[in-house]
């Protein structure tokens, strides 16, 4: 799993795709491809954030820190 991109790398790639989508000269086909890729990256970022949130909540609970809000 070493080849997986970091959260920061994924966010940079997402930013690049969003800028590409803002270009008025991009074709419809390219727009759809970029949008699809952006949604895949967005899902990966969400999964990373969710995994890390669970880890932090678990660590806090293990340390007896229960005075926090969890959605």
Foldseek 3Di string as FASTA:
>chain_A
DVPDDDLVVLVVLLVVLVVVLVDPPDDPVSNVVSVVVSVVSVVVNVVVVVVVVVVVVVVCVVVVNDPDDDD
